[in-house]
Amino acid sequence: MTIDQAIEEIGLSIVAARMQTSAQRVNNWKARGVPVQEAVSFCQAVEWKVIPHDLHPKNYPHPEDGLPIHLRQAA
């Protein structure tokens, strides 16, 4: 799922409220991407429809990096 799809599915204003930021700022991320420092919070706000690895694979090289324990696969 893309950033755009996740925002559209949850709703721009809901994502912005969950992140305690403006809808305009979240909307800008559709074009520019989610900043690294906001990646985990954004993923949580969109109910993990995208994961940090999808947004910034260099910063989160393993698909489970940045995920809460309950979403990680059992080893």
PDB file of N, CA and C in Angstrom:
ATOM      1  N   MET A   1       0.852  -1.171   0.000  1.00  0.00           N
ATOM      2  CA  MET A   1       0.000   0.000   0.000  1.00  0.00           C
ATOM      3  C   MET A   1       0.903   1.241   0.000  1.00  0.00           C
ATOM      4  N   THR A   2       0.486   2.262  -0.707  1.00  0.00           N
ATOM      5  CA  THR A   2       1.267   3.488  -0.783  1.00  0.00           C
ATOM      6  C   THR A   2       0.867   4.455   0.340  1.00  0.00           C
ATOM      7  N   ILE A   3       1.662   5.491   0.504  1.00  0.00           N
ATOM      8  CA  ILE A   3       1.344   6.551   1.475  1.00  0.00           C
ATOM      9  C   ILE A   3      -0.020   7.146   1.136  1.00  0.00           C
ATOM     10  N   ASP A   4      -0.226   7.452  -0.140  1.00  0.00           N
ATOM     11  CA  ASP A   4      -1.500   8.044  -0.576  1.00  0.00           C
ATOM     12  C   ASP A   4      -2.680   7.146  -0.215  1.00  0.00           C
ATOM     13  N   GLN A   5      -2.554   5.874  -0.519  1.00  0.00           N
ATOM     14  CA  GLN A   5      -3.646   4.938  -0.250  1.00  0.00           C
ATOM     15  C   GLN A   5      -3.934   4.835   1.240  1.00  0.00           C
ATOM     16  N   ALA A   6      -2.876   4.780   2.044  1.00  0.00           N
ATOM     17  CA  ALA A   6      -3.059   4.681   3.495  1.00  0.00           C
ATOM     18  C   ALA A   6      -3.754   5.919   4.044  1.00  0.00           C
ATOM     19  N   ILE A   7      -3.342   7.091   3.573  1.00  0.00           N
ATOM     20  CA  ILE A   7      -3.961   8.340   4.028  1.00  0.00           C
ATOM     21  C   ILE A   7      -5.416   8.390   3.589  1.00  0.00           C
ATOM     22  N   GLU A   8      -5.684   8.016   2.353  1.00  0.00           N
ATOM     23  CA  GLU A   8      -7.062   8.039   1.850  1.00  0.00           C
ATOM     24  C   GLU A   8      -7.943   7.049   2.609  1.00  0.00           C
ATOM     25  N   GLU A   9      -7.415   5.880   2.906  1.00  0.00           N
ATOM     26  CA  GLU A   9      -8.212   4.870   3.602  1.00  0.00           C
ATOM     27  C   GLU A   9      -8.571   5.290   5.027  1.00  0.00           C
ATOM     28  N   ILE A  10      -7.615   5.877   5.736  1.00  0.00           N
ATOM     29  CA  ILE A  10      -7.851   6.301   7.121  1.00  0.00           C
ATOM     30  C   ILE A  10      -8.545   7.662   7.145  1.00  0.00           C
ATOM     31  N   GLY A  11      -8.139   8.531   6.257  1.00  0.00           N
ATOM     32  CA  GLY A  11      -8.679   9.885   6.212  1.00  0.00           C
ATOM     33  C   GLY A  11      -7.615  10.882   6.614  1.00  0.00           C
ATOM     34  N   LEU A  12      -7.421  11.879   5.772  1.00  0.00           N
ATOM     35  CA  LEU A  12      -6.380  12.890   5.994  1.00  0.00           C
ATOM     36  C   LEU A  12      -6.506  13.559   7.351  1.00  0.00           C
ATOM     37  N   SER A  13      -7.684  13.992   7.703  1.00  0.00           N
ATOM     38  CA  SER A  13      -7.860  14.712   8.974  1.00  0.00           C
ATOM     39  C   SER A  13      -7.638  13.799  10.174  1.00  0.00           C
ATOM     40  N   ILE A  14      -7.987  12.530  10.035  1.00  0.00           N
ATOM     41  CA  ILE A  14      -7.772  11.580  11.144  1.00  0.00           C
ATOM     42  C   ILE A  14      -6.284  11.329  11.337  1.00  0.00           C
ATOM     43  N   VAL A  15      -5.562  11.114  10.243  1.00  0.00           N
ATOM     44  CA  VAL A  15      -4.115  10.904  10.337  1.00  0.00           C
ATOM     45  C   VAL A  15      -3.455  12.124  10.966  1.00  0.00           C
ATOM     46  N   ALA A  16      -3.828  13.314  10.514  1.00  0.00           N
ATOM     47  CA  ALA A  16      -3.257  14.545  11.060  1.00  0.00           C
ATOM     48  C   ALA A  16      -3.561  14.674  12.548  1.00  0.00           C
ATOM     49  N   ALA A  17      -4.792  14.388  12.943  1.00  0.00           N
ATOM     50  CA  ALA A  17      -5.160  14.477  14.363  1.00  0.00           C
ATOM     51  C   ALA A  17      -4.377  13.467  15.193  1.00  0.00           C
ATOM     52  N   ARG A  18      -4.234  12.263  14.703  1.00  0.00           N
ATOM     53  CA  ARG A  18      -3.491  11.239  15.433  1.00  0.00           C
ATOM     54  C   ARG A  18      -2.029  11.626  15.603  1.00  0.00           C
ATOM     55  N   MET A  19      -1.497  12.342  14.625  1.00  0.00           N
ATOM     56  CA  MET A  19      -0.097  12.759  14.686  1.00  0.00           C
ATOM     57  C   MET A  19       0.070  14.131  15.323  1.00  0.00           C
ATOM     58  N   GLN A  20      -1.024  14.752  15.675  1.00  0.00           N
ATOM     59  CA  GLN A  20      -1.023  16.086  16.271  1.00  0.00           C
ATOM     60  C   GLN A  20      -0.269  17.086  15.387  1.00  0.00           C
ATOM     61  N   THR A  21      -0.661  17.077  14.112  1.00  0.00           N
ATOM     62  CA  THR A  21      -0.068  17.995  13.150  1.00  0.00           C
ATOM     63  C   THR A  21      -1.163  18.472  12.202  1.00  0.00           C
ATOM     64  N   SER A  22      -0.816  19.292  11.242  1.00  0.00           N
ATOM     65  CA  SER A  22      -1.816  19.831  10.322  1.00  0.00           C
ATOM     66  C   SER A  22      -2.084  18.861   9.172  1.00  0.00           C
ATOM     67  N   ALA A  23      -3.281  18.952   8.655  1.00  0.00           N
ATOM     68  CA  ALA A  23      -3.647  18.155   7.486  1.00  0.00           C
ATOM     69  C   ALA A  23      -2.780  18.549   6.288  1.00  0.00           C
ATOM     70  N   GLN A  24      -2.433  19.828   6.182  1.00  0.00           N
ATOM     71  CA  GLN A  24      -1.588  20.291   5.083  1.00  0.00           C
ATOM     72  C   GLN A  24      -0.219  19.603   5.132  1.00  0.00           C
ATOM     73  N   ARG A  25       0.333  19.488   6.321  1.00  0.00           N
ATOM     74  CA  ARG A  25       1.645  18.837   6.454  1.00  0.00           C
ATOM     75  C   ARG A  25       1.563  17.368   6.023  1.00  0.00           C
ATOM     76  N   VAL A  26       0.534  16.674   6.481  1.00  0.00           N
ATOM     77  CA  VAL A  26       0.362  15.265   6.090  1.00  0.00           C
ATOM     78  C   VAL A  26       0.137  15.178   4.582  1.00  0.00           C
ATOM     79  N   ASN A  27      -0.649  16.069   4.026  1.00  0.00           N
ATOM     80  CA  ASN A  27      -0.898  16.063   2.588  1.00  0.00           C
ATOM     81  C   ASN A  27       0.389  16.279   1.795  1.00  0.00           C
ATOM     82  N   ASN A  28       1.283  17.105   2.305  1.00  0.00           N
ATOM     83  CA  ASN A  28       2.574  17.327   1.635  1.00  0.00           C
ATOM     84  C   ASN A  28       3.406  16.053   1.557  1.00  0.00           C
ATOM     85  N   TRP A  29       3.222  15.178   2.523  1.00  0.00           N
ATOM     86  CA  TRP A  29       3.985  13.928   2.520  1.00  0.00           C
ATOM     87  C   TRP A  29       3.620  13.032   1.352  1.00  0.00           C
ATOM     88  N   LYS A  30       2.440  13.219   0.783  1.00  0.00           N
ATOM     89  CA  LYS A  30       2.066  12.437  -0.396  1.00  0.00           C
ATOM     90  C   LYS A  30       3.055  12.697  -1.531  1.00  0.00           C
ATOM     91  N   ALA A  31       3.479  13.936  -1.677  1.00  0.00           N
ATOM     92  CA  ALA A  31       4.399  14.304  -2.749  1.00  0.00           C
ATOM     93  C   ALA A  31       5.858  14.140  -2.351  1.00  0.00           C
ATOM     94  N   ARG A  32       6.175  14.455  -1.108  1.00  0.00           N
ATOM     95  CA  ARG A  32       7.575  14.514  -0.684  1.00  0.00           C
ATOM     96  C   ARG A  32       8.047  13.308   0.119  1.00  0.00           C
ATOM     97  N   GLY A  33       7.107  12.505   0.593  1.00  0.00           N
ATOM     98  CA  GLY A  33       7.468  11.375   1.442  1.00  0.00           C
ATOM     99  C   GLY A  33       7.431  11.771   2.911  1.00  0.00           C
ATOM    100  N   VAL A  34       7.262  10.788   3.741  1.00  0.00           N
ATOM    101  CA  VAL A  34       7.212  10.993   5.191  1.00  0.00           C
ATOM    102  C   VAL A  34       8.644  11.138   5.705  1.00  0.00           C
ATOM    103  N   PRO A  35       8.936  12.177   6.486  1.00  0.00           N
ATOM    104  CA  PRO A  35      10.291  12.329   7.032  1.00  0.00           C
ATOM    105  C   PRO A  35      10.670  11.127   7.911  1.00  0.00           C
ATOM    106  N   VAL A  36      11.939  10.792   7.910  1.00  0.00           N
ATOM    107  CA  VAL A  36      12.422   9.648   8.691  1.00  0.00           C
ATOM    108  C   VAL A  36      11.985   9.748  10.147  1.00  0.00           C
ATOM    109  N   GLN A  37      12.093  10.915  10.741  1.00  0.00           N
ATOM    110  CA  GLN A  37      11.777  11.074  12.157  1.00  0.00           C
ATOM    111  C   GLN A  37      10.288  10.902  12.450  1.00  0.00           C
ATOM    112  N   GLU A  38       9.450  10.926  11.421  1.00  0.00           N
ATOM    113  CA  GLU A  38       8.009  10.766  11.586  1.00  0.00           C
ATOM    114  C   GLU A  38       7.520   9.389  11.132  1.00  0.00           C
ATOM    115  N   ALA A  39       8.413   8.549  10.625  1.00  0.00           N
ATOM    116  CA  ALA A  39       8.009   7.290   9.994  1.00  0.00           C
ATOM    117  C   ALA A  39       7.210   6.378  10.916  1.00  0.00           C
ATOM    118  N   VAL A  40       7.704   6.102  12.093  1.00  0.00           N
ATOM    119  CA  VAL A  40       7.010   5.174  13.000  1.00  0.00           C
ATOM    120  C   VAL A  40       5.671   5.759  13.439  1.00  0.00           C
ATOM    121  N   SER A  41       5.645   7.032  13.762  1.00  0.00           N
ATOM    122  CA  SER A  41       4.392   7.677  14.165  1.00  0.00           C
ATOM    123  C   SER A  41       3.376   7.666  13.033  1.00  0.00           C
ATOM    124  N   PHE A  42       3.840   7.915  11.815  1.00  0.00           N
ATOM    125  CA  PHE A  42       2.939   7.881  10.669  1.00  0.00           C
ATOM    126  C   PHE A  42       2.366   6.482  10.476  1.00  0.00           C
ATOM    127  N   CYS A  43       3.210   5.490  10.545  1.00  0.00           N
ATOM    128  CA  CYS A  43       2.751   4.108  10.366  1.00  0.00           C
ATOM    129  C   CYS A  43       1.713   3.737  11.422  1.00  0.00           C
ATOM    130  N   GLN A  44       1.950   4.157  12.627  1.00  0.00           N
ATOM    131  CA  GLN A  44       0.980   3.908  13.693  1.00  0.00           C
ATOM    132  C   GLN A  44      -0.330   4.644  13.389  1.00  0.00           C
ATOM    133  N   ALA A  45      -0.239   5.876  12.921  1.00  0.00           N
ATOM    134  CA  ALA A  45      -1.432   6.678  12.631  1.00  0.00           C
ATOM    135  C   ALA A  45      -2.273   6.078  11.506  1.00  0.00           C
ATOM    136  N   VAL A  46      -1.626   5.380  10.573  1.00  0.00           N
ATOM    137  CA  VAL A  46      -2.360   4.737   9.475  1.00  0.00           C
ATOM    138  C   VAL A  46      -2.583   3.252   9.754  1.00  0.00           C
ATOM    139  N   GLU A  47      -2.504   2.909  11.022  1.00  0.00           N
ATOM    140  CA  GLU A  47      -2.795   1.545  11.489  1.00  0.00           C
ATOM    141  C   GLU A  47      -1.919   0.491  10.818  1.00  0.00           C
ATOM    142  N   TRP A  48      -0.650   0.841  10.588  1.00  0.00           N
ATOM    143  CA  TRP A  48       0.369  -0.055  10.058  1.00  0.00           C
ATOM    144  C   TRP A  48       0.034  -0.573   8.663  1.00  0.00           C
ATOM    145  N   LYS A  49      -0.751   0.196   7.902  1.00  0.00           N
ATOM    146  CA  LYS A  49      -1.045  -0.165   6.517  1.00  0.00           C
ATOM    147  C   LYS A  49       0.207  -0.018   5.658  1.00  0.00           C
ATOM    148  N   VAL A  50       1.107   0.839   6.073  1.00  0.00           N
ATOM    149  CA  VAL A  50       2.471   0.893   5.558  1.00  0.00           C
ATOM    150  C   VAL A  50       3.375   0.735   6.773  1.00  0.00           C
ATOM    151  N   ILE A  51       4.580   0.275   6.543  1.00  0.00           N
ATOM    152  CA  ILE A  51       5.516   0.059   7.649  1.00  0.00           C
ATOM    153  C   ILE A  51       6.770   0.906   7.434  1.00  0.00           C
ATOM    154  N   PRO A  52       7.521   1.149   8.510  1.00  0.00           N
ATOM    155  CA  PRO A  52       8.723   1.980   8.368  1.00  0.00           C
ATOM    156  C   PRO A  52       9.667   1.500   7.267  1.00  0.00           C
ATOM    157  N   HIS A  53       9.802   0.199   7.110  1.00  0.00           N
ATOM    158  CA  HIS A  53      10.664  -0.358   6.060  1.00  0.00           C
ATOM    159  C   HIS A  53      10.218   0.102   4.670  1.00  0.00           C
ATOM    160  N   ASP A  54       8.905   0.182   4.453  1.00  0.00           N
ATOM    161  CA  ASP A  54       8.388   0.650   3.158  1.00  0.00           C
ATOM    162  C   ASP A  54       8.747   2.114   2.908  1.00  0.00           C
ATOM    163  N   LEU A  55       8.736   2.914   3.958  1.00  0.00           N
ATOM    164  CA  LEU A  55       8.986   4.347   3.827  1.00  0.00           C
ATOM    165  C   LEU A  55      10.468   4.681   3.706  1.00  0.00           C
ATOM    166  N   HIS A  56      11.289   3.992   4.506  1.00  0.00           N
ATOM    167  CA  HIS A  56      12.723   4.298   4.568  1.00  0.00           C
ATOM    168  C   HIS A  56      13.529   3.011   4.757  1.00  0.00           C
ATOM    169  N   PRO A  57      13.689   2.240   3.674  1.00  0.00           N
ATOM    170  CA  PRO A  57      14.385   0.956   3.803  1.00  0.00           C
ATOM    171  C   PRO A  57      15.845   1.064   4.260  1.00  0.00           C
ATOM    172  N   LYS A  58      16.497   2.191   4.008  1.00  0.00           N
ATOM    173  CA  LYS A  58      17.877   2.345   4.476  1.00  0.00           C
ATOM    174  C   LYS A  58      17.928   2.521   5.994  1.00  0.00           C
ATOM    175  N   ASN A  59      16.942   3.195   6.556  1.00  0.00           N
ATOM    176  CA  ASN A  59      16.899   3.421   7.997  1.00  0.00           C
ATOM    177  C   ASN A  59      16.258   2.250   8.745  1.00  0.00           C
ATOM    178  N   TYR A  60      15.397   1.531   8.064  1.00  0.00           N
ATOM    179  CA  TYR A  60      14.703   0.367   8.632  1.00  0.00           C
ATOM    180  C   TYR A  60      14.927  -0.806   7.675  1.00  0.00           C
ATOM    181  N   PRO A  61      16.158  -1.361   7.667  1.00  0.00           N
ATOM    182  CA  PRO A  61      16.518  -2.352   6.645  1.00  0.00           C
ATOM    183  C   PRO A  61      15.743  -3.674   6.718  1.00  0.00           C
ATOM    184  N   HIS A  62      15.347  -4.079   7.881  1.00  0.00           N
ATOM    185  CA  HIS A  62      14.577  -5.325   8.015  1.00  0.00           C
ATOM    186  C   HIS A  62      13.097  -4.970   8.047  1.00  0.00           C
ATOM    187  N   PRO A  63      12.249  -5.738   7.368  1.00  0.00           N
ATOM    188  CA  PRO A  63      10.820  -5.413   7.346  1.00  0.00           C
ATOM    189  C   PRO A  63      10.157  -5.273   8.720  1.00  0.00           C
ATOM    190  N   GLU A  64      10.731  -5.870   9.745  1.00  0.00           N
ATOM    191  CA  GLU A  64      10.141  -5.762  11.079  1.00  0.00           C
ATOM    192  C   GLU A  64      10.705  -4.611  11.904  1.00  0.00           C
ATOM    193  N   ASP A  65      11.716  -3.928  11.393  1.00  0.00           N
ATOM    194  CA  ASP A  65      12.284  -2.787  12.116  1.00  0.00           C
ATOM    195  C   ASP A  65      11.231  -1.701  12.300  1.00  0.00           C
ATOM    196  N   GLY A  66      11.103  -1.222  13.513  1.00  0.00           N
ATOM    197  CA  GLY A  66      10.162  -0.161  13.821  1.00  0.00           C
ATOM    198  C   GLY A  66       8.767  -0.649  14.150  1.00  0.00           C
ATOM    199  N   LEU A  67       8.485  -1.932  13.950  1.00  0.00           N
ATOM    200  CA  LEU A  67       7.156  -2.454  14.251  1.00  0.00           C
ATOM    201  C   LEU A  67       7.013  -2.756  15.739  1.00  0.00           C
ATOM    202  N   PRO A  68       5.813  -2.601  16.280  1.00  0.00           N
ATOM    203  CA  PRO A  68       5.593  -3.017  17.660  1.00  0.00           C
ATOM    204  C   PRO A  68       5.689  -4.551  17.757  1.00  0.00           C
ATOM    205  N   ILE A  69       6.013  -5.027  18.918  1.00  0.00           N
ATOM    206  CA  ILE A  69       6.250  -6.466  19.117  1.00  0.00           C
ATOM    207  C   ILE A  69       5.072  -7.315  18.638  1.00  0.00           C
ATOM    208  N   HIS A  70       3.853  -6.866  18.899  1.00  0.00           N
ATOM    209  CA  HIS A  70       2.703  -7.694  18.539  1.00  0.00           C
ATOM    210  C   HIS A  70       2.496  -7.849  17.031  1.00  0.00           C
ATOM    211  N   LEU A  71       3.178  -7.061  16.217  1.00  0.00           N
ATOM    212  CA  LEU A  71       3.073  -7.189  14.766  1.00  0.00           C
ATOM    213  C   LEU A  71       4.247  -7.935  14.132  1.00  0.00           C
ATOM    214  N   ARG A  72       5.229  -8.246  14.921  1.00  0.00           N
ATOM    215  CA  ARG A  72       6.390  -8.973  14.393  1.00  0.00           C
ATOM    216  C   ARG A  72       6.088 -10.455  14.276  1.00  0.00           C
ATOM    217  N   GLN A  73       6.704 -11.077  13.295  1.00  0.00           N
ATOM    218  CA  GLN A  73       6.529 -12.518  13.101  1.00  0.00           C
ATOM    219  C   GLN A  73       7.250 -13.275  14.204  1.00  0.00           C
ATOM    220  N   ALA A  74       6.693 -14.391  14.615  1.00  0.00           N
ATOM    221  CA  ALA A  74       7.357 -15.233  15.619  1.00  0.00           C
ATOM    222  C   ALA A  74       8.598 -15.853  14.987  1.00  0.00           C
ATOM    223  N   ALA A  75       9.667 -15.812  15.728  1.00  0.00           N
ATOM    224  CA  ALA A  75      10.950 -16.356  15.190  1.00  0.00           C
ATOM    225  C   ALA A  75      10.980 -17.858  15.263  1.00  0.00           C
TER     226      ALA A  75
END
